[in-house]
Structure formats: C-alpha cells, structure tokens
Amino acid sequence: MAKFDAVVGRLFKRVFVCRKCKTKIRTDSIRVISKTVKCRNCGGKAFRVIKSKAKAGA
C-alpha cells in the first residue's frame, strides 16, 4: 500500500485548481488562503482543492 499512498500524494497533495480557467497549480494551502498565489494562465486568485476521488457511477 505504500506505493499507492505515494502516488496519491504526488497527484493530489498541494494541488489546487483555478476557478476561472480550471488550470492546476501546485502550491501551499497557506498561500492560497492568503491569496498571494496567482494563476499563471488568467491571473485569478480564486482556487479550489482538486477532487481526489472519481464520482461514483460516472
């Protein structure tokens, strides 16, 4: 199981998605909360956490 935990950590840990253009950015959550990080693509400062599990039944 350790290999799977490492893979999940690389894919989903510290990854945020821009709410405007849906671009993924890897940064610290403190920087996202304080809005010091900016999207590379659109310049927006609103981010959400990436969804780590697939939707059931989809």
PDB file of N, CA and C in Angstrom:
ATOM      1  N   MET A   1       0.808  -1.200   0.000  1.00  0.00           N
ATOM      2  CA  MET A   1       0.000   0.000   0.000  1.00  0.00           C
ATOM      3  C   MET A   1       0.847   1.259   0.000  1.00  0.00           C
ATOM      4  N   ALA A   2       2.093   1.173   0.366  1.00  0.00           N
ATOM      5  CA  ALA A   2       2.929   2.367   0.437  1.00  0.00           C
ATOM      6  C   ALA A   2       3.113   2.995  -0.935  1.00  0.00           C
ATOM      7  N   LYS A   3       3.200   2.188  -1.962  1.00  0.00           N
ATOM      8  CA  LYS A   3       3.361   2.743  -3.300  1.00  0.00           C
ATOM      9  C   LYS A   3       2.123   3.522  -3.708  1.00  0.00           C
ATOM     10  N   PHE A   4       0.953   3.014  -3.358  1.00  0.00           N
ATOM     11  CA  PHE A   4      -0.268   3.710  -3.729  1.00  0.00           C
ATOM     12  C   PHE A   4      -0.409   5.022  -2.960  1.00  0.00           C
ATOM     13  N   ASP A   5      -0.001   5.041  -1.704  1.00  0.00           N
ATOM     14  CA  ASP A   5      -0.047   6.279  -0.930  1.00  0.00           C
ATOM     15  C   ASP A   5       0.883   7.329  -1.527  1.00  0.00           C
ATOM     16  N   ALA A   6       2.046   6.903  -1.994  1.00  0.00           N
ATOM     17  CA  ALA A   6       2.979   7.837  -2.608  1.00  0.00           C
ATOM     18  C   ALA A   6       2.411   8.409  -3.905  1.00  0.00           C
ATOM     19  N   VAL A   7       1.750   7.577  -4.672  1.00  0.00           N
ATOM     20  CA  VAL A   7       1.154   8.038  -5.927  1.00  0.00           C
ATOM     21  C   VAL A   7       0.029   9.031  -5.660  1.00  0.00           C
ATOM     22  N   VAL A   8      -0.814   8.727  -4.690  1.00  0.00           N
ATOM     23  CA  VAL A   8      -1.909   9.631  -4.355  1.00  0.00           C
ATOM     24  C   VAL A   8      -1.359  10.961  -3.854  1.00  0.00           C
ATOM     25  N   GLY A   9      -0.295  10.914  -3.088  1.00  0.00           N
ATOM     26  CA  GLY A   9       0.328  12.143  -2.600  1.00  0.00           C
ATOM     27  C   GLY A   9       0.864  13.000  -3.724  1.00  0.00           C
ATOM     28  N   ARG A  10       1.477  12.380  -4.706  1.00  0.00           N
ATOM     29  CA  ARG A  10       2.007  13.149  -5.839  1.00  0.00           C
ATOM     30  C   ARG A  10       0.899  13.754  -6.687  1.00  0.00           C
ATOM     31  N   LEU A  11      -0.191  13.031  -6.844  1.00  0.00           N
ATOM     32  CA  LEU A  11      -1.261  13.504  -7.719  1.00  0.00           C
ATOM     33  C   LEU A  11      -2.142  14.569  -7.075  1.00  0.00           C
ATOM     34  N   PHE A  12      -2.428  14.448  -5.780  1.00  0.00           N
ATOM     35  CA  PHE A  12      -3.452  15.283  -5.183  1.00  0.00           C
ATOM     36  C   PHE A  12      -2.988  16.180  -4.046  1.00  0.00           C
ATOM     37  N   LYS A  13      -1.798  15.977  -3.504  1.00  0.00           N
ATOM     38  CA  LYS A  13      -1.361  16.770  -2.361  1.00  0.00           C
ATOM     39  C   LYS A  13      -0.847  18.125  -2.848  1.00  0.00           C
ATOM     40  N   ARG A  14      -1.342  19.180  -2.229  1.00  0.00           N
ATOM     41  CA  ARG A  14      -0.942  20.558  -2.534  1.00  0.00           C
ATOM     42  C   ARG A  14      -1.274  20.972  -3.969  1.00  0.00           C
ATOM     43  N   VAL A  15      -2.308  20.382  -4.583  1.00  0.00           N
ATOM     44  CA  VAL A  15      -2.716  20.749  -5.932  1.00  0.00           C
ATOM     45  C   VAL A  15      -4.045  21.488  -5.844  1.00  0.00           C
ATOM     46  N   PHE A  16      -4.095  22.662  -6.473  1.00  0.00           N
ATOM     47  CA  PHE A  16      -5.288  23.490  -6.479  1.00  0.00           C
ATOM     48  C   PHE A  16      -5.667  23.800  -7.917  1.00  0.00           C
ATOM     49  N   VAL A  17      -6.956  24.079  -8.141  1.00  0.00           N
ATOM     50  CA  VAL A  17      -7.473  24.340  -9.473  1.00  0.00           C
ATOM     51  C   VAL A  17      -8.042  25.754  -9.497  1.00  0.00           C
ATOM     52  N   CYS A  18      -7.703  26.505 -10.547  1.00  0.00           N
ATOM     53  CA  CYS A  18      -8.227  27.856 -10.714  1.00  0.00           C
ATOM     54  C   CYS A  18      -9.723  27.777 -10.996  1.00  0.00           C
ATOM     55  N   ARG A  19     -10.497  28.629 -10.348  1.00  0.00           N
ATOM     56  CA  ARG A  19     -11.943  28.605 -10.534  1.00  0.00           C
ATOM     57  C   ARG A  19     -12.368  29.224 -11.860  1.00  0.00           C
ATOM     58  N   LYS A  20     -11.533  30.062 -12.451  1.00  0.00           N
ATOM     59  CA  LYS A  20     -11.880  30.682 -13.724  1.00  0.00           C
ATOM     60  C   LYS A  20     -11.534  29.793 -14.918  1.00  0.00           C
ATOM     61  N   CYS A  21     -10.268  29.394 -15.007  1.00  0.00           N
ATOM     62  CA  CYS A  21      -9.802  28.709 -16.219  1.00  0.00           C
ATOM     63  C   CYS A  21      -9.495  27.232 -16.012  1.00  0.00           C
ATOM     64  N   LYS A  22      -9.684  26.706 -14.796  1.00  0.00           N
ATOM     65  CA  LYS A  22      -9.507  25.282 -14.478  1.00  0.00           C
ATOM     66  C   LYS A  22      -8.062  24.791 -14.643  1.00  0.00           C
ATOM     67  N   THR A  23      -7.093  25.663 -14.480  1.00  0.00           N
ATOM     68  CA  THR A  23      -5.687  25.286 -14.556  1.00  0.00           C
ATOM     69  C   THR A  23      -5.220  24.765 -13.200  1.00  0.00           C
ATOM     70  N   LYS A  24      -4.412  23.696 -13.206  1.00  0.00           N
ATOM     71  CA  LYS A  24      -3.897  23.113 -11.967  1.00  0.00           C
ATOM     72  C   LYS A  24      -2.590  23.798 -11.575  1.00  0.00           C
ATOM     73  N   ILE A  25      -2.459  24.091 -10.282  1.00  0.00           N
ATOM     74  CA  ILE A  25      -1.257  24.713  -9.740  1.00  0.00           C
ATOM     75  C   ILE A  25      -0.897  24.000  -8.448  1.00  0.00           C
ATOM     76  N   ARG A  26       0.388  23.690  -8.265  1.00  0.00           N
ATOM     77  CA  ARG A  26       0.862  23.066  -7.031  1.00  0.00           C
ATOM     78  C   ARG A  26       1.498  24.142  -6.149  1.00  0.00           C
ATOM     79  N   THR A  27       0.897  24.364  -4.986  1.00  0.00           N
ATOM     80  CA  THR A  27       1.386  25.362  -4.051  1.00  0.00           C
ATOM     81  C   THR A  27       0.896  25.021  -2.643  1.00  0.00           C
ATOM     82  N   ASP A  28       1.313  25.795  -1.674  1.00  0.00           N
ATOM     83  CA  ASP A  28       0.906  25.575  -0.293  1.00  0.00           C
ATOM     84  C   ASP A  28      -0.482  26.153  -0.046  1.00  0.00           C
ATOM     85  N   SER A  29      -1.231  25.533   0.856  1.00  0.00           N
ATOM     86  CA  SER A  29      -2.587  25.986   1.143  1.00  0.00           C
ATOM     87  C   SER A  29      -2.594  27.343   1.840  1.00  0.00           C
ATOM     88  N   ILE A  30      -1.565  27.655   2.588  1.00  0.00           N
ATOM     89  CA  ILE A  30      -1.487  28.953   3.258  1.00  0.00           C
ATOM     90  C   ILE A  30      -1.407  30.078   2.235  1.00  0.00           C
ATOM     91  N   ARG A  31      -0.679  29.856   1.155  1.00  0.00           N
ATOM     92  CA  ARG A  31      -0.576  30.868   0.108  1.00  0.00           C
ATOM     93  C   ARG A  31      -1.894  31.041  -0.636  1.00  0.00           C
ATOM     94  N   VAL A  32      -2.650  29.971  -0.783  1.00  0.00           N
ATOM     95  CA  VAL A  32      -3.952  30.057  -1.446  1.00  0.00           C
ATOM     96  C   VAL A  32      -4.937  30.811  -0.561  1.00  0.00           C
ATOM     97  N   ILE A  33      -4.930  30.527   0.734  1.00  0.00           N
ATOM     98  CA  ILE A  33      -5.837  31.193   1.658  1.00  0.00           C
ATOM     99  C   ILE A  33      -5.538  32.691   1.747  1.00  0.00           C
ATOM    100  N   SER A  34      -4.267  33.045   1.780  1.00  0.00           N
ATOM    101  CA  SER A  34      -3.899  34.455   1.876  1.00  0.00           C
ATOM    102  C   SER A  34      -3.917  35.165   0.524  1.00  0.00           C
ATOM    103  N   LYS A  35      -4.226  34.437  -0.546  1.00  0.00           N
ATOM    104  CA  LYS A  35      -4.346  34.960  -1.911  1.00  0.00           C
ATOM    105  C   LYS A  35      -3.058  35.615  -2.417  1.00  0.00           C
ATOM    106  N   THR A  36      -1.906  35.022  -2.060  1.00  0.00           N
ATOM    107  CA  THR A  36      -0.641  35.538  -2.575  1.00  0.00           C
ATOM    108  C   THR A  36      -0.227  34.831  -3.857  1.00  0.00           C
ATOM    109  N   VAL A  37      -0.852  33.701  -4.158  1.00  0.00           N
ATOM    110  CA  VAL A  37      -0.534  32.965  -5.377  1.00  0.00           C
ATOM    111  C   VAL A  37      -1.521  33.391  -6.460  1.00  0.00           C
ATOM    112  N   LYS A  38      -1.012  33.479  -7.694  1.00  0.00           N
ATOM    113  CA  LYS A  38      -1.800  33.940  -8.822  1.00  0.00           C
ATOM    114  C   LYS A  38      -1.775  32.877  -9.911  1.00  0.00           C
ATOM    115  N   CYS A  39      -2.850  32.736 -10.654  1.00  0.00           N
ATOM    116  CA  CYS A  39      -2.910  31.768 -11.745  1.00  0.00           C
ATOM    117  C   CYS A  39      -1.975  32.196 -12.867  1.00  0.00           C
ATOM    118  N   ARG A  40      -1.242  31.245 -13.406  1.00  0.00           N
ATOM    119  CA  ARG A  40      -0.318  31.545 -14.496  1.00  0.00           C
ATOM    120  C   ARG A  40      -1.043  31.917 -15.785  1.00  0.00           C
ATOM    121  N   ASN A  41      -2.218  31.340 -15.960  1.00  0.00           N
ATOM    122  CA  ASN A  41      -2.938  31.486 -17.222  1.00  0.00           C
ATOM    123  C   ASN A  41      -3.794  32.746 -17.261  1.00  0.00           C
ATOM    124  N   CYS A  42      -4.667  32.925 -16.261  1.00  0.00           N
ATOM    125  CA  CYS A  42      -5.624  34.027 -16.314  1.00  0.00           C
ATOM    126  C   CYS A  42      -5.348  35.137 -15.301  1.00  0.00           C
ATOM    127  N   GLY A  43      -4.491  34.880 -14.314  1.00  0.00           N
ATOM    128  CA  GLY A  43      -4.186  35.894 -13.317  1.00  0.00           C
ATOM    129  C   GLY A  43      -5.154  35.919 -12.149  1.00  0.00           C
ATOM    130  N   GLY A  44      -6.078  34.973 -12.081  1.00  0.00           N
ATOM    131  CA  GLY A  44      -7.055  34.928 -10.995  1.00  0.00           C
ATOM    132  C   GLY A  44      -6.438  34.472  -9.688  1.00  0.00           C
ATOM    133  N   LYS A  45      -7.122  34.789  -8.600  1.00  0.00           N
ATOM    134  CA  LYS A  45      -6.625  34.419  -7.279  1.00  0.00           C
ATOM    135  C   LYS A  45      -7.584  33.505  -6.534  1.00  0.00           C
ATOM    136  N   ALA A  46      -8.615  32.998  -7.199  1.00  0.00           N
ATOM    137  CA  ALA A  46      -9.586  32.105  -6.576  1.00  0.00           C
ATOM    138  C   ALA A  46      -9.269  30.673  -6.987  1.00  0.00           C
ATOM    139  N   PHE A  47      -9.012  29.825  -5.995  1.00  0.00           N
ATOM    140  CA  PHE A  47      -8.648  28.438  -6.240  1.00  0.00           C
ATOM    141  C   PHE A  47      -9.518  27.511  -5.408  1.00  0.00           C
ATOM    142  N   ARG A  48      -9.615  26.265  -5.839  1.00  0.00           N
ATOM    143  CA  ARG A  48     -10.287  25.228  -5.072  1.00  0.00           C
ATOM    144  C   ARG A  48      -9.366  24.017  -5.023  1.00  0.00           C
ATOM    145  N   VAL A  49      -9.631  23.122  -4.077  1.00  0.00           N
ATOM    146  CA  VAL A  49      -8.854  21.894  -3.944  1.00  0.00           C
ATOM    147  C   VAL A  49      -9.251  20.946  -5.076  1.00  0.00           C
ATOM    148  N   ILE A  50      -8.283  20.219  -5.622  1.00  0.00           N
ATOM    149  CA  ILE A  50      -8.581  19.256  -6.685  1.00  0.00           C
ATOM    150  C   ILE A  50      -9.340  18.092  -6.080  1.00  0.00           C
ATOM    151  N   LYS A  51     -10.313  17.567  -6.812  1.00  0.00           N
ATOM    152  CA  LYS A  51     -11.111  16.437  -6.346  1.00  0.00           C
ATOM    153  C   LYS A  51     -10.298  15.171  -6.512  1.00  0.00           C
ATOM    154  N   SER A  52     -10.127  14.422  -5.423  1.00  0.00           N
ATOM    155  CA  SER A  52      -9.222  13.278  -5.443  1.00  0.00           C
ATOM    156  C   SER A  52      -9.913  11.960  -5.755  1.00  0.00           C
ATOM    157  N   LYS A  53     -11.235  11.911  -5.720  1.00  0.00           N
ATOM    158  CA  LYS A  53     -11.922  10.656  -5.986  1.00  0.00           C
ATOM    159  C   LYS A  53     -12.873  10.843  -7.164  1.00  0.00           C
ATOM    160  N   ALA A  54     -12.971   9.822  -7.973  1.00  0.00           N
ATOM    161  CA  ALA A  54     -13.898   9.857  -9.100  1.00  0.00           C
ATOM    162  C   ALA A  54     -15.331   9.756  -8.588  1.00  0.00           C
ATOM    163  N   LYS A  55     -16.243  10.338  -9.334  1.00  0.00           N
ATOM    164  CA  LYS A  55     -17.648  10.282  -8.942  1.00  0.00           C
ATOM    165  C   LYS A  55     -18.160   8.862  -9.072  1.00  0.00           C
ATOM    166  N   ALA A  56     -18.934   8.427  -8.140  1.00  0.00           N
ATOM    167  CA  ALA A  56     -19.485   7.077  -8.157  1.00  0.00           C
ATOM    168  C   ALA A  56     -20.562   6.976  -9.230  1.00  0.00           C
ATOM    169  N   GLY A  57     -20.491   5.978 -10.046  1.00  0.00           N
ATOM    170  CA  GLY A  57     -21.493   5.753 -11.067  1.00  0.00           C
ATOM    171  C   GLY A  57     -21.295   6.544 -12.347  1.00  0.00           C
ATOM    172  N   ALA A  58     -20.225   7.311 -12.420  1.00  0.00           N
ATOM    173  CA  ALA A  58     -19.998   8.118 -13.622  1.00  0.00           C
ATOM    174  C   ALA A  58     -19.011   7.470 -14.557  1.00  0.00           C
TER     175      ALA A  58
END
